[in-house]
């Protein structure tokens, strides 16, 4: 399955960049620890997310870039819903840790830490809260992510349908979750394989952390 995803990812990428001028540099989809939500020029990058671990007996995620290279992985032993999730790079290095808040509240609250959580004194790089709107139930707001005093992101859409947008405070789309398009007739991935499209200036590690948050909140 992973070999097929790599082949498909390369094919889709080649079709998208056909007849376009090559860009200088580019985003390989790896977390760099810097957040810049100002948008900026350039083409968005796309990651293929497989909601499955490569290891037998684990739940988790496998993420490859447009070149078919493994970029991120999440390997969970035991149940799907956990109090702590670790996003790793291809080599197994901890990139981000997502934890459910231990404070008892009416709605789900989560914390995201850089690297592996090592102590209780470690400060989170962002906080997330599941959105509950009783007055406007038709507005499909899923969650809020508070990155710092200046940056707040709203996730809207339906994670169950793999159709979500991450918007900044100016309502610019910085990342998007989409159904996986196939170039092979008769092939359907369902909901387990989908695309994560990341606009220039938004951090791919944070985008993956948002997927982990949504997966825990709504599945």
Protein backbone atom coordinates (compact mmCIF):
# COMPACT_ATOMS: atom_id res chain seq x y z
CA UNK A 1 0.00 0.00 0.00
CA UNK A 2 2.78 2.45 0.89
CA UNK A 3 4.56 1.69 -2.41
CA UNK A 4 1.34 2.45 -4.31
CA UNK A 5 0.85 5.71 -2.38
CA UNK A 6 4.39 6.79 -3.25
CA UNK A 7 3.80 6.08 -6.93
CA UNK A 8 0.45 7.88 -6.89
CA UNK A 9 1.89 10.87 -5.04
CA UNK A 10 4.63 11.30 -7.64
CA UNK A 11 2.15 10.98 -10.52
CA UNK A 12 -0.24 13.59 -9.11
CA UNK A 13 2.66 15.93 -8.35
CA UNK A 14 4.05 15.63 -11.88
CA UNK A 15 0.63 16.47 -13.35
CA UNK A 16 0.29 19.53 -11.13
CA UNK A 17 3.68 21.00 -11.96
CA UNK A 18 3.53 20.23 -15.68
CA UNK A 19 4.00 23.37 -17.80
CA UNK A 20 5.02 25.36 -14.69
CA UNK A 21 8.39 27.00 -14.12
CA UNK A 22 10.49 25.28 -11.45
CA UNK A 23 10.50 27.14 -8.15
CA UNK A 24 13.57 28.09 -6.14
CA UNK A 25 13.95 25.91 -3.08
CA UNK A 26 10.59 24.64 -1.92
CA UNK A 27 8.94 23.11 1.13
CA UNK A 28 9.67 19.43 1.72
CA UNK A 29 6.91 19.25 4.32
CA UNK A 30 9.13 19.03 7.37
CA UNK A 31 8.57 20.95 10.59
CA UNK A 32 11.06 23.78 11.03
CA UNK A 33 9.70 25.31 14.22
CA UNK A 34 8.93 28.67 12.63
CA UNK A 35 5.41 29.91 12.09
CA UNK A 36 4.54 32.61 9.59
CA UNK A 37 0.85 33.00 8.85
CA UNK A 38 1.27 35.98 6.57
CA UNK A 39 0.53 33.91 3.51
CA UNK A 40 3.13 34.93 0.96
CA UNK A 41 3.58 33.87 -2.65
CA UNK A 42 4.47 30.52 -4.10
CA UNK A 43 2.61 27.32 -4.72
CA UNK A 44 1.11 25.34 -1.83
CA UNK A 45 2.71 22.05 -0.84
CA UNK A 46 0.72 18.83 -0.58
CA UNK A 47 1.16 15.86 1.75
CA UNK A 48 -0.57 12.51 1.45
CA UNK A 49 -1.84 11.35 4.84
CA UNK A 50 -2.57 7.67 5.46
CA UNK A 51 -4.48 7.06 8.67
CA UNK A 52 -2.49 3.95 9.48
CA UNK A 53 0.85 3.10 11.05
CA UNK A 54 3.44 1.13 9.10
CA UNK A 55 3.97 -1.10 12.15
CA UNK A 56 1.78 -4.11 12.86
CA UNK A 57 -0.28 -3.71 16.01
CA UNK A 58 -0.11 0.10 15.97
CA UNK A 59 -2.63 2.75 15.09
CA UNK A 60 -1.41 6.09 13.84
CA UNK A 61 -0.51 7.99 10.68
CA UNK A 62 1.93 7.72 7.78
CA UNK A 63 2.62 10.91 5.81
CA UNK A 64 4.51 11.24 2.51
CA UNK A 65 5.34 14.28 0.42
CA UNK A 66 4.86 14.90 -3.31
CA UNK A 67 8.12 13.08 -4.09
CA UNK A 68 6.91 9.93 -2.35
CA UNK A 69 9.26 10.37 0.63
CA UNK A 70 8.20 9.55 4.17
CA UNK A 71 8.00 12.82 6.11
CA UNK A 72 5.94 12.22 9.27
CA UNK A 73 4.71 9.23 11.24
CA UNK A 74 2.64 8.55 14.33
CA UNK A 75 2.80 5.10 15.91
CA UNK A 76 0.44 4.36 18.79
CA UNK A 77 0.46 1.10 20.70
CA UNK A 78 -2.88 0.31 22.26
CA UNK A 79 -6.14 2.19 21.78
CA UNK A 80 -6.73 4.90 19.18
CA UNK A 81 -7.78 7.57 21.69
CA UNK A 82 -4.80 8.43 23.86
CA UNK A 83 -3.89 11.18 26.28
CA UNK A 84 -0.61 11.80 24.45
CA UNK A 85 0.33 11.60 20.75
CA UNK A 86 3.83 12.06 19.34
CA UNK A 87 4.41 13.31 15.80
CA UNK A 88 7.76 12.00 14.51
CA UNK A 89 9.83 12.53 11.41
CA UNK A 90 10.83 9.68 9.08
CA UNK A 91 13.75 8.66 11.34
CA UNK A 92 11.61 8.50 14.47
CA UNK A 93 12.70 11.81 16.00
CA UNK A 94 9.96 13.48 18.06
CA UNK A 95 8.75 16.66 16.37
CA UNK A 96 5.64 17.61 18.33
CA UNK A 97 3.68 16.11 21.22
CA UNK A 98 -0.08 16.55 21.44
CA UNK A 99 -1.62 16.10 24.90
CA UNK A 100 -5.14 16.23 26.21
CA UNK A 101 -5.48 18.81 28.97
CA UNK A 102 -5.92 17.23 32.40
CA UNK A 103 -8.16 20.07 33.57
CA UNK A 104 -11.80 19.04 33.75
CA UNK A 105 -13.85 21.28 31.45
CA UNK A 106 -17.06 21.10 29.44
CA UNK A 107 -15.20 20.88 26.11
CA UNK A 108 -12.04 19.11 24.97
CA UNK A 109 -8.85 21.10 25.45
CA UNK A 110 -5.47 20.08 24.06
CA UNK A 111 -1.88 21.28 24.32
CA UNK A 112 0.86 21.01 21.70
CA UNK A 113 4.51 20.85 22.79
CA UNK A 114 7.66 21.06 20.70
CA UNK A 115 9.61 17.81 20.65
CA UNK A 116 8.97 15.15 23.26
CA UNK A 117 7.23 16.14 26.48
CA UNK A 118 9.94 15.93 29.13
CA UNK A 119 8.64 17.75 32.18
CA UNK A 120 5.54 19.30 33.71
CA UNK A 121 7.19 22.74 33.50
CA UNK A 122 7.52 22.57 29.70
CA UNK A 123 5.41 25.27 28.05
CA UNK A 124 3.15 24.42 25.09
CA UNK A 125 3.67 26.15 21.76
CA UNK A 126 -0.10 26.26 21.18
CA UNK A 127 -3.45 25.31 22.68
CA UNK A 128 -6.55 23.90 21.03
CA UNK A 129 -10.19 23.79 22.03
CA UNK A 130 -13.06 21.89 20.49
CA UNK A 131 -15.75 24.28 19.31
CA UNK A 132 -19.31 23.87 20.51
CA UNK A 133 -21.88 26.28 19.11
CA UNK A 134 -25.40 25.71 20.41
CA UNK A 135 -26.78 28.96 18.99
CA UNK A 136 -25.50 28.41 15.44
CA UNK A 137 -25.39 24.63 14.89
CA UNK A 138 -25.26 24.97 11.08
CA UNK A 139 -21.95 26.80 11.23
CA UNK A 140 -19.39 24.00 10.86
CA UNK A 141 -16.71 25.31 13.18
CA UNK A 142 -14.73 22.43 14.59
CA UNK A 143 -12.00 23.85 16.78
CA UNK A 144 -9.82 26.84 17.63
CA UNK A 145 -6.04 26.73 17.86
CA UNK A 146 -4.32 29.48 19.84
CA UNK A 147 -0.69 29.70 18.73
CA UNK A 148 0.34 32.82 20.63
CA UNK A 149 -1.06 36.23 21.53
CA UNK A 150 -1.10 37.28 17.86
CA UNK A 151 -2.09 34.11 16.01
CA UNK A 152 -5.35 32.20 16.35
CA UNK A 153 -6.62 29.67 13.84
CA UNK A 154 -10.15 28.44 13.24
CA UNK A 155 -10.87 25.02 11.73
CA UNK A 156 -14.11 24.80 9.77
CA UNK A 157 -15.80 22.08 7.74
CA UNK A 158 -16.18 18.37 8.41
CA UNK A 159 -13.31 16.14 9.48
CA UNK A 160 -15.61 13.12 9.15
CA UNK A 161 -15.86 13.91 5.41
CA UNK A 162 -12.19 14.93 5.17
CA UNK A 163 -13.18 18.41 4.09
CA UNK A 164 -11.73 21.07 6.41
CA UNK A 165 -10.11 24.45 6.15
CA UNK A 166 -7.71 26.08 8.60
CA UNK A 167 -8.18 29.86 8.62
CA UNK A 168 -6.13 32.58 10.27
CA UNK A 169 -7.59 35.57 12.11
CA UNK A 170 -8.08 37.37 8.78
CA UNK A 171 -9.92 34.29 7.46
CA UNK A 172 -7.20 33.44 4.98
CA UNK A 173 -6.98 29.72 4.29
CA UNK A 174 -3.56 28.53 5.49
CA UNK A 175 -4.15 24.77 5.20
CA UNK A 176 -6.83 22.42 3.94
CA UNK A 177 -7.81 18.76 4.34
CA UNK A 178 -9.24 17.22 1.18
CA UNK A 179 -10.36 13.86 -0.14
CA UNK A 180 -7.61 12.11 -2.06
CA UNK A 181 -8.02 12.42 -5.81
CA UNK A 182 -7.03 9.34 -7.81
CA UNK A 183 -5.68 9.25 -11.33
CA UNK A 184 -6.41 5.52 -11.63
CA UNK A 185 -9.94 4.62 -12.64
CA UNK A 186 -11.80 2.34 -10.26
CA UNK A 187 -9.51 3.13 -7.31
CA UNK A 188 -11.05 4.62 -4.19
CA UNK A 189 -9.21 5.41 -0.98
CA UNK A 190 -12.27 6.15 1.14
CA UNK A 191 -11.54 8.25 4.23
CA UNK A 192 -8.32 6.59 5.38
CA UNK A 193 -6.11 8.32 2.78
CA UNK A 194 -6.46 12.06 2.20
CA UNK A 195 -4.53 15.19 1.19
CA UNK A 196 -3.18 17.89 3.45
CA UNK A 197 -2.61 21.04 1.39
CA UNK A 198 -0.42 23.65 3.09
CA UNK A 199 -0.14 27.20 1.82
CA UNK A 200 3.21 28.98 1.79
CA UNK A 201 4.04 30.50 5.17
CA UNK A 202 2.17 27.96 7.31
CA UNK A 203 4.06 25.29 9.20
CA UNK A 204 3.47 21.72 8.05
CA UNK A 205 4.19 20.33 11.52
CA UNK A 206 1.47 22.47 13.03
CA UNK A 207 -0.87 21.42 10.21
CA UNK A 208 -0.23 17.76 11.07
CA UNK A 209 -0.78 18.50 14.76
CA UNK A 210 -4.18 19.93 13.82
CA UNK A 211 -5.02 16.66 12.06
CA UNK A 212 -4.11 14.72 15.21
CA UNK A 213 -6.31 17.05 17.26
CA UNK A 214 -9.29 16.68 14.93
CA UNK A 215 -8.87 12.91 14.80
CA UNK A 216 -9.03 12.70 18.58
CA UNK A 217 -11.90 15.16 18.88
CA UNK A 218 -14.24 13.77 16.23
CA UNK A 219 -13.44 10.07 15.72
